[in-house]
Amino acid sequence: MGRSVEQAVAAPRMNTTGDLDLRLEEAWPADDVEAFRGMGYAVQTGGGARISAAFGDPASGALATARR
């Protein structure tokens, strides 16, 4: 999607189980949080997830990793 592994891992996360309960990390912009609420979601904000990722470029053989 045009992002580096580091950018993808740093991006704020959301979680839902398919209903209108939505949990967002605190890093989500306030305008986005209000937009979700305006769509009818019951939004809660809080701490984040532990994430690690690795990407191998098959063309160059380069490996990139990131975690938070």
PDB file of N, CA and C in Angstrom:
ATOM      1  N   MET A   1       0.817  -1.195   0.000  1.00  0.00           N
ATOM      2  CA  MET A   1       0.000   0.000   0.000  1.00  0.00           C
ATOM      3  C   MET A   1       0.858   1.255   0.000  1.00  0.00           C
ATOM      4  N   GLY A   2       2.079   1.131  -0.423  1.00  0.00           N
ATOM      5  CA  GLY A   2       2.923   2.295  -0.541  1.00  0.00           C
ATOM      6  C   GLY A   2       3.607   2.738   0.733  1.00  0.00           C
ATOM      7  N   ARG A   3       3.600   1.910   1.757  1.00  0.00           N
ATOM      8  CA  ARG A   3       4.257   2.264   3.022  1.00  0.00           C
ATOM      9  C   ARG A   3       5.418   1.321   3.290  1.00  0.00           C
ATOM     10  N   SER A   4       6.386   1.849   4.004  1.00  0.00           N
ATOM     11  CA  SER A   4       7.485   0.992   4.447  1.00  0.00           C
ATOM     12  C   SER A   4       6.992   0.130   5.606  1.00  0.00           C
ATOM     13  N   VAL A   5       7.760  -0.884   5.949  1.00  0.00           N
ATOM     14  CA  VAL A   5       7.406  -1.723   7.102  1.00  0.00           C
ATOM     15  C   VAL A   5       7.334  -0.862   8.356  1.00  0.00           C
ATOM     16  N   GLU A   6       8.269   0.062   8.512  1.00  0.00           N
ATOM     17  CA  GLU A   6       8.289   0.929   9.696  1.00  0.00           C
ATOM     18  C   GLU A   6       7.031   1.791   9.774  1.00  0.00           C
ATOM     19  N   GLN A   7       6.611   2.360   8.634  1.00  0.00           N
ATOM     20  CA  GLN A   7       5.406   3.192   8.620  1.00  0.00           C
ATOM     21  C   GLN A   7       4.158   2.367   8.918  1.00  0.00           C
ATOM     22  N   ALA A   8       4.093   1.170   8.362  1.00  0.00           N
ATOM     23  CA  ALA A   8       2.929   0.306   8.587  1.00  0.00           C
ATOM     24  C   ALA A   8       2.815  -0.089  10.058  1.00  0.00           C
ATOM     25  N   VAL A   9       3.927  -0.417  10.682  1.00  0.00           N
ATOM     26  CA  VAL A   9       3.914  -0.807  12.092  1.00  0.00           C
ATOM     27  C   VAL A   9       3.585   0.393  12.982  1.00  0.00           C
ATOM     28  N   ALA A  10       4.036   1.581  12.613  1.00  0.00           N
ATOM     29  CA  ALA A  10       3.785   2.781  13.425  1.00  0.00           C
ATOM     30  C   ALA A  10       2.351   3.290  13.317  1.00  0.00           C
ATOM     31  N   ALA A  11       1.627   2.900  12.274  1.00  0.00           N
ATOM     32  CA  ALA A  11       0.261   3.400  12.055  1.00  0.00           C
ATOM     33  C   ALA A  11      -0.665   2.983  13.200  1.00  0.00           C
ATOM     34  N   PRO A  12      -1.605   3.862  13.583  1.00  0.00           N
ATOM     35  CA  PRO A  12      -2.540   3.510  14.653  1.00  0.00           C
ATOM     36  C   PRO A  12      -3.456   2.355  14.245  1.00  0.00           C
ATOM     37  N   ARG A  13      -3.853   1.565  15.220  1.00  0.00           N
ATOM     38  CA  ARG A  13      -4.660   0.370  15.001  1.00  0.00           C
ATOM     39  C   ARG A  13      -6.082   0.557  15.486  1.00  0.00           C
ATOM     40  N   MET A  14      -6.964  -0.273  14.925  1.00  0.00           N
ATOM     41  CA  MET A  14      -8.349  -0.341  15.381  1.00  0.00           C
ATOM     42  C   MET A  14      -8.719  -1.803  15.572  1.00  0.00           C
ATOM     43  N   ASN A  15      -9.762  -2.027  16.360  1.00  0.00           N
ATOM     44  CA  ASN A  15     -10.257  -3.375  16.567  1.00  0.00           C
ATOM     45  C   ASN A  15     -11.772  -3.338  16.659  1.00  0.00           C
ATOM     46  N   THR A  16     -12.405  -4.289  15.972  1.00  0.00           N
ATOM     47  CA  THR A  16     -13.849  -4.481  16.080  1.00  0.00           C
ATOM     48  C   THR A  16     -14.129  -5.963  15.866  1.00  0.00           C
ATOM     49  N   THR A  17     -15.221  -6.415  16.425  1.00  0.00           N
ATOM     50  CA  THR A  17     -15.613  -7.815  16.229  1.00  0.00           C
ATOM     51  C   THR A  17     -16.764  -7.914  15.239  1.00  0.00           C
ATOM     52  N   GLY A  18     -17.014  -6.836  14.509  1.00  0.00           N
ATOM     53  CA  GLY A  18     -18.054  -6.847  13.488  1.00  0.00           C
ATOM     54  C   GLY A  18     -19.331  -6.148  13.887  1.00  0.00           C
ATOM     55  N   ASP A  19     -19.399  -5.695  15.129  1.00  0.00           N
ATOM     56  CA  ASP A  19     -20.579  -4.941  15.544  1.00  0.00           C
ATOM     57  C   ASP A  19     -20.221  -3.451  15.571  1.00  0.00           C
ATOM     58  N   LEU A  20     -20.966  -2.651  16.294  1.00  0.00           N
ATOM     59  CA  LEU A  20     -20.704  -1.216  16.332  1.00  0.00           C
ATOM     60  C   LEU A  20     -19.775  -0.789  17.464  1.00  0.00           C
ATOM     61  N   ASP A  21     -19.216  -1.749  18.198  1.00  0.00           N
ATOM     62  CA  ASP A  21     -18.206  -1.429  19.205  1.00  0.00           C
ATOM     63  C   ASP A  21     -16.863  -1.344  18.504  1.00  0.00           C
ATOM     64  N   LEU A  22     -16.190  -0.209  18.641  1.00  0.00           N
ATOM     65  CA  LEU A  22     -14.937   0.037  17.941  1.00  0.00           C
ATOM     66  C   LEU A  22     -13.905   0.557  18.930  1.00  0.00           C
ATOM     67  N   ARG A  23     -12.755  -0.082  18.959  1.00  0.00           N
ATOM     68  CA  ARG A  23     -11.665   0.361  19.836  1.00  0.00           C
ATOM     69  C   ARG A  23     -10.547   0.911  18.957  1.00  0.00           C
ATOM     70  N   LEU A  24     -10.141   2.127  19.255  1.00  0.00           N
ATOM     71  CA  LEU A  24      -9.088   2.805  18.505  1.00  0.00           C
ATOM     72  C   LEU A  24      -7.920   3.126  19.420  1.00  0.00           C
ATOM     73  N   GLU A  25      -6.722   3.007  18.892  1.00  0.00           N
ATOM     74  CA  GLU A  25      -5.565   3.474  19.655  1.00  0.00           C
ATOM     75  C   GLU A  25      -5.663   4.987  19.810  1.00  0.00           C
ATOM     76  N   GLU A  26      -5.051   5.495  20.868  1.00  0.00           N
ATOM     77  CA  GLU A  26      -5.134   6.927  21.166  1.00  0.00           C
ATOM     78  C   GLU A  26      -4.541   7.803  20.068  1.00  0.00           C
ATOM     79  N   ALA A  27      -3.705   7.250  19.209  1.00  0.00           N
ATOM     80  CA  ALA A  27      -3.052   8.025  18.150  1.00  0.00           C
ATOM     81  C   ALA A  27      -3.988   8.393  16.998  1.00  0.00           C
ATOM     82  N   TRP A  28      -5.216   7.862  16.966  1.00  0.00           N
ATOM     83  CA  TRP A  28      -6.142   8.212  15.885  1.00  0.00           C
ATOM     84  C   TRP A  28      -6.478   9.697  15.968  1.00  0.00           C
ATOM     85  N   PRO A  29      -6.505  10.394  14.836  1.00  0.00           N
ATOM     86  CA  PRO A  29      -6.870  11.815  14.847  1.00  0.00           C
ATOM     87  C   PRO A  29      -8.303  12.016  15.371  1.00  0.00           C
ATOM     88  N   ALA A  30      -8.498  13.075  16.130  1.00  0.00           N
ATOM     89  CA  ALA A  30      -9.803  13.359  16.737  1.00  0.00           C
ATOM     90  C   ALA A  30     -10.908  13.467  15.687  1.00  0.00           C
ATOM     91  N   ASP A  31     -10.601  14.029  14.532  1.00  0.00           N
ATOM     92  CA  ASP A  31     -11.618  14.144  13.474  1.00  0.00           C
ATOM     93  C   ASP A  31     -12.088  12.765  13.014  1.00  0.00           C
ATOM     94  N   ASP A  32     -11.160  11.804  12.917  1.00  0.00           N
ATOM     95  CA  ASP A  32     -11.532  10.443  12.532  1.00  0.00           C
ATOM     96  C   ASP A  32     -12.399   9.785  13.596  1.00  0.00           C
ATOM     97  N   VAL A  33     -12.028   9.989  14.858  1.00  0.00           N
ATOM     98  CA  VAL A  33     -12.806   9.412  15.964  1.00  0.00           C
ATOM     99  C   VAL A  33     -14.239   9.926  15.901  1.00  0.00           C
ATOM    100  N   GLU A  34     -14.396  11.229  15.708  1.00  0.00           N
ATOM    101  CA  GLU A  34     -15.741  11.808  15.629  1.00  0.00           C
ATOM    102  C   GLU A  34     -16.487  11.320  14.390  1.00  0.00           C
ATOM    103  N   ALA A  35     -15.772  11.097  13.297  1.00  0.00           N
ATOM    104  CA  ALA A  35     -16.424  10.571  12.085  1.00  0.00           C
ATOM    105  C   ALA A  35     -16.969   9.165  12.340  1.00  0.00           C
ATOM    106  N   PHE A  36     -16.196   8.326  13.028  1.00  0.00           N
ATOM    107  CA  PHE A  36     -16.684   6.985  13.372  1.00  0.00           C
ATOM    108  C   PHE A  36     -17.914   7.080  14.267  1.00  0.00           C
ATOM    109  N   ARG A  37     -17.879   7.967  15.247  1.00  0.00           N
ATOM    110  CA  ARG A  37     -19.043   8.151  16.130  1.00  0.00           C
ATOM    111  C   ARG A  37     -20.251   8.616  15.324  1.00  0.00           C
ATOM    112  N   GLY A  38     -20.025   9.506  14.367  1.00  0.00           N
ATOM    113  CA  GLY A  38     -21.100   9.997  13.520  1.00  0.00           C
ATOM    114  C   GLY A  38     -21.730   8.908  12.663  1.00  0.00           C
ATOM    115  N   MET A  39     -20.964   7.846  12.391  1.00  0.00           N
ATOM    116  CA  MET A  39     -21.476   6.701  11.631  1.00  0.00           C
ATOM    117  C   MET A  39     -22.211   5.708  12.523  1.00  0.00           C
ATOM    118  N   GLY A  40     -22.240   5.988  13.835  1.00  0.00           N
ATOM    119  CA  GLY A  40     -22.973   5.120  14.745  1.00  0.00           C
ATOM    120  C   GLY A  40     -22.121   4.176  15.574  1.00  0.00           C
ATOM    121  N   TYR A  41     -20.798   4.249  15.445  1.00  0.00           N
ATOM    122  CA  TYR A  41     -19.930   3.377  16.237  1.00  0.00           C
ATOM    123  C   TYR A  41     -19.824   3.862  17.674  1.00  0.00           C
ATOM    124  N   ALA A  42     -19.771   2.920  18.602  1.00  0.00           N
ATOM    125  CA  ALA A  42     -19.500   3.207  20.000  1.00  0.00           C
ATOM    126  C   ALA A  42     -17.983   3.114  20.156  1.00  0.00           C
ATOM    127  N   VAL A  43     -17.318   4.262  20.131  1.00  0.00           N
ATOM    128  CA  VAL A  43     -15.857   4.314  20.079  1.00  0.00           C
ATOM    129  C   VAL A  43     -15.254   4.381  21.472  1.00  0.00           C
ATOM    130  N   GLN A  44     -14.268   3.538  21.693  1.00  0.00           N
ATOM    131  CA  GLN A  44     -13.436   3.610  22.893  1.00  0.00           C
ATOM    132  C   GLN A  44     -12.000   3.792  22.413  1.00  0.00           C
ATOM    133  N   THR A  45     -11.241   4.620  23.116  1.00  0.00           N
ATOM    134  CA  THR A  45      -9.832   4.781  22.775  1.00  0.00           C
ATOM    135  C   THR A  45      -8.996   4.259  23.932  1.00  0.00           C
ATOM    136  N   GLY A  46      -7.810   3.807  23.599  1.00  0.00           N
ATOM    137  CA  GLY A  46      -6.957   3.261  24.643  1.00  0.00           C
ATOM    138  C   GLY A  46      -5.583   2.913  24.117  1.00  0.00           C
ATOM    139  N   GLY A  47      -4.910   2.092  24.889  1.00  0.00           N
ATOM    140  CA  GLY A  47      -3.543   1.689  24.572  1.00  0.00           C
ATOM    141  C   GLY A  47      -3.450   0.932  23.263  1.00  0.00           C
ATOM    142  N   GLY A  48      -2.235   0.663  22.883  1.00  0.00           N
ATOM    143  CA  GLY A  48      -1.989   0.035  21.596  1.00  0.00           C
ATOM    144  C   GLY A  48      -1.580  -1.418  21.663  1.00  0.00           C
ATOM    145  N   ALA A  49      -1.340  -1.935  20.503  1.00  0.00           N
ATOM    146  CA  ALA A  49      -0.959  -3.334  20.351  1.00  0.00           C
ATOM    147  C   ALA A  49       0.560  -3.464  20.245  1.00  0.00           C
ATOM    148  N   ARG A  50       1.050  -4.633  20.566  1.00  0.00           N
ATOM    149  CA  ARG A  50       2.447  -4.957  20.291  1.00  0.00           C
ATOM    150  C   ARG A  50       2.481  -5.572  18.900  1.00  0.00           C
ATOM    151  N   ILE A  51       3.329  -5.034  18.064  1.00  0.00           N
ATOM    152  CA  ILE A  51       3.352  -5.442  16.670  1.00  0.00           C
ATOM    153  C   ILE A  51       4.793  -5.660  16.223  1.00  0.00           C
ATOM    154  N   SER A  52       4.998  -6.700  15.443  1.00  0.00           N
ATOM    155  CA  SER A  52       6.284  -6.885  14.773  1.00  0.00           C
ATOM    156  C   SER A  52       5.998  -7.353  13.359  1.00  0.00           C
ATOM    157  N   ALA A  53       6.888  -6.981  12.446  1.00  0.00           N
ATOM    158  CA  ALA A  53       6.687  -7.332  11.042  1.00  0.00           C
ATOM    159  C   ALA A  53       8.036  -7.491  10.354  1.00  0.00           C
ATOM    160  N   ALA A  54       8.027  -8.289   9.319  1.00  0.00           N
ATOM    161  CA  ALA A  54       9.211  -8.462   8.477  1.00  0.00           C
ATOM    162  C   ALA A  54       8.748  -8.515   7.030  1.00  0.00           C
ATOM    163  N   PHE A  55       9.557  -7.946   6.147  1.00  0.00           N
ATOM    164  CA  PHE A  55       9.249  -7.959   4.728  1.00  0.00           C
ATOM    165  C   PHE A  55      10.509  -8.276   3.948  1.00  0.00           C
ATOM    166  N   GLY A  56      10.408  -9.242   3.089  1.00  0.00           N
ATOM    167  CA  GLY A  56      11.523  -9.591   2.220  1.00  0.00           C
ATOM    168  C   GLY A  56      11.199  -9.225   0.783  1.00  0.00           C
ATOM    169  N   ASP A  57      12.060  -8.436   0.162  1.00  0.00           N
ATOM    170  CA  ASP A  57      11.871  -8.049  -1.233  1.00  0.00           C
ATOM    171  C   ASP A  57      12.467  -9.136  -2.121  1.00  0.00           C
ATOM    172  N   PRO A  58      11.640  -9.874  -2.845  1.00  0.00           N
ATOM    173  CA  PRO A  58      12.163 -10.981  -3.658  1.00  0.00           C
ATOM    174  C   PRO A  58      13.087 -10.531  -4.784  1.00  0.00           C
ATOM    175  N   ALA A  59      12.904  -9.298  -5.267  1.00  0.00           N
ATOM    176  CA  ALA A  59      13.743  -8.817  -6.360  1.00  0.00           C
ATOM    177  C   ALA A  59      15.169  -8.496  -5.907  1.00  0.00           C
ATOM    178  N   SER A  60      15.274  -7.833  -4.746  1.00  0.00           N
ATOM    179  CA  SER A  60      16.599  -7.409  -4.294  1.00  0.00           C
ATOM    180  C   SER A  60      17.166  -8.294  -3.195  1.00  0.00           C
ATOM    181  N   GLY A  61      16.302  -9.061  -2.542  1.00  0.00           N
ATOM    182  CA  GLY A  61      16.743  -9.874  -1.413  1.00  0.00           C
ATOM    183  C   GLY A  61      16.853  -9.103  -0.111  1.00  0.00           C
ATOM    184  N   ALA A  62      16.509  -7.799  -0.151  1.00  0.00           N
ATOM    185  CA  ALA A  62      16.582  -6.969   1.052  1.00  0.00           C
ATOM    186  C   ALA A  62      15.523  -7.399   2.061  1.00  0.00           C
ATOM    187  N   LEU A  63      15.853  -7.302   3.334  1.00  0.00           N
ATOM    188  CA  LEU A  63      14.935  -7.629   4.421  1.00  0.00           C
ATOM    189  C   LEU A  63      14.746  -6.396   5.291  1.00  0.00           C
ATOM    190  N   ALA A  64      13.492  -6.076   5.596  1.00  0.00           N
ATOM    191  CA  ALA A  64      13.170  -4.960   6.482  1.00  0.00           C
ATOM    192  C   ALA A  64      12.338  -5.496   7.633  1.00  0.00           C
ATOM    193  N   THR A  65      12.626  -5.009   8.843  1.00  0.00           N
ATOM    194  CA  THR A  65      11.867  -5.425  10.022  1.00  0.00           C
ATOM    195  C   THR A  65      11.506  -4.185  10.840  1.00  0.00           C
ATOM    196  N   ALA A  66      10.456  -4.306  11.632  1.00  0.00           N
ATOM    197  CA  ALA A  66      10.045  -3.235  12.529  1.00  0.00           C
ATOM    198  C   ALA A  66       9.204  -3.829  13.648  1.00  0.00           C
ATOM    199  N   ARG A  67       9.192  -3.142  14.786  1.00  0.00           N
ATOM    200  CA  ARG A  67       8.330  -3.559  15.903  1.00  0.00           C
ATOM    201  C   ARG A  67       8.024  -2.364  16.774  1.00  0.00           C
ATOM    202  N   ARG A  68       6.955  -2.518  17.552  1.00  0.00           N
ATOM    203  CA  ARG A  68       6.607  -1.501  18.571  1.00  0.00           C
ATOM    204  C   ARG A  68       5.822  -2.163  19.653  1.00  0.00           C
TER     205      ARG A  68
END
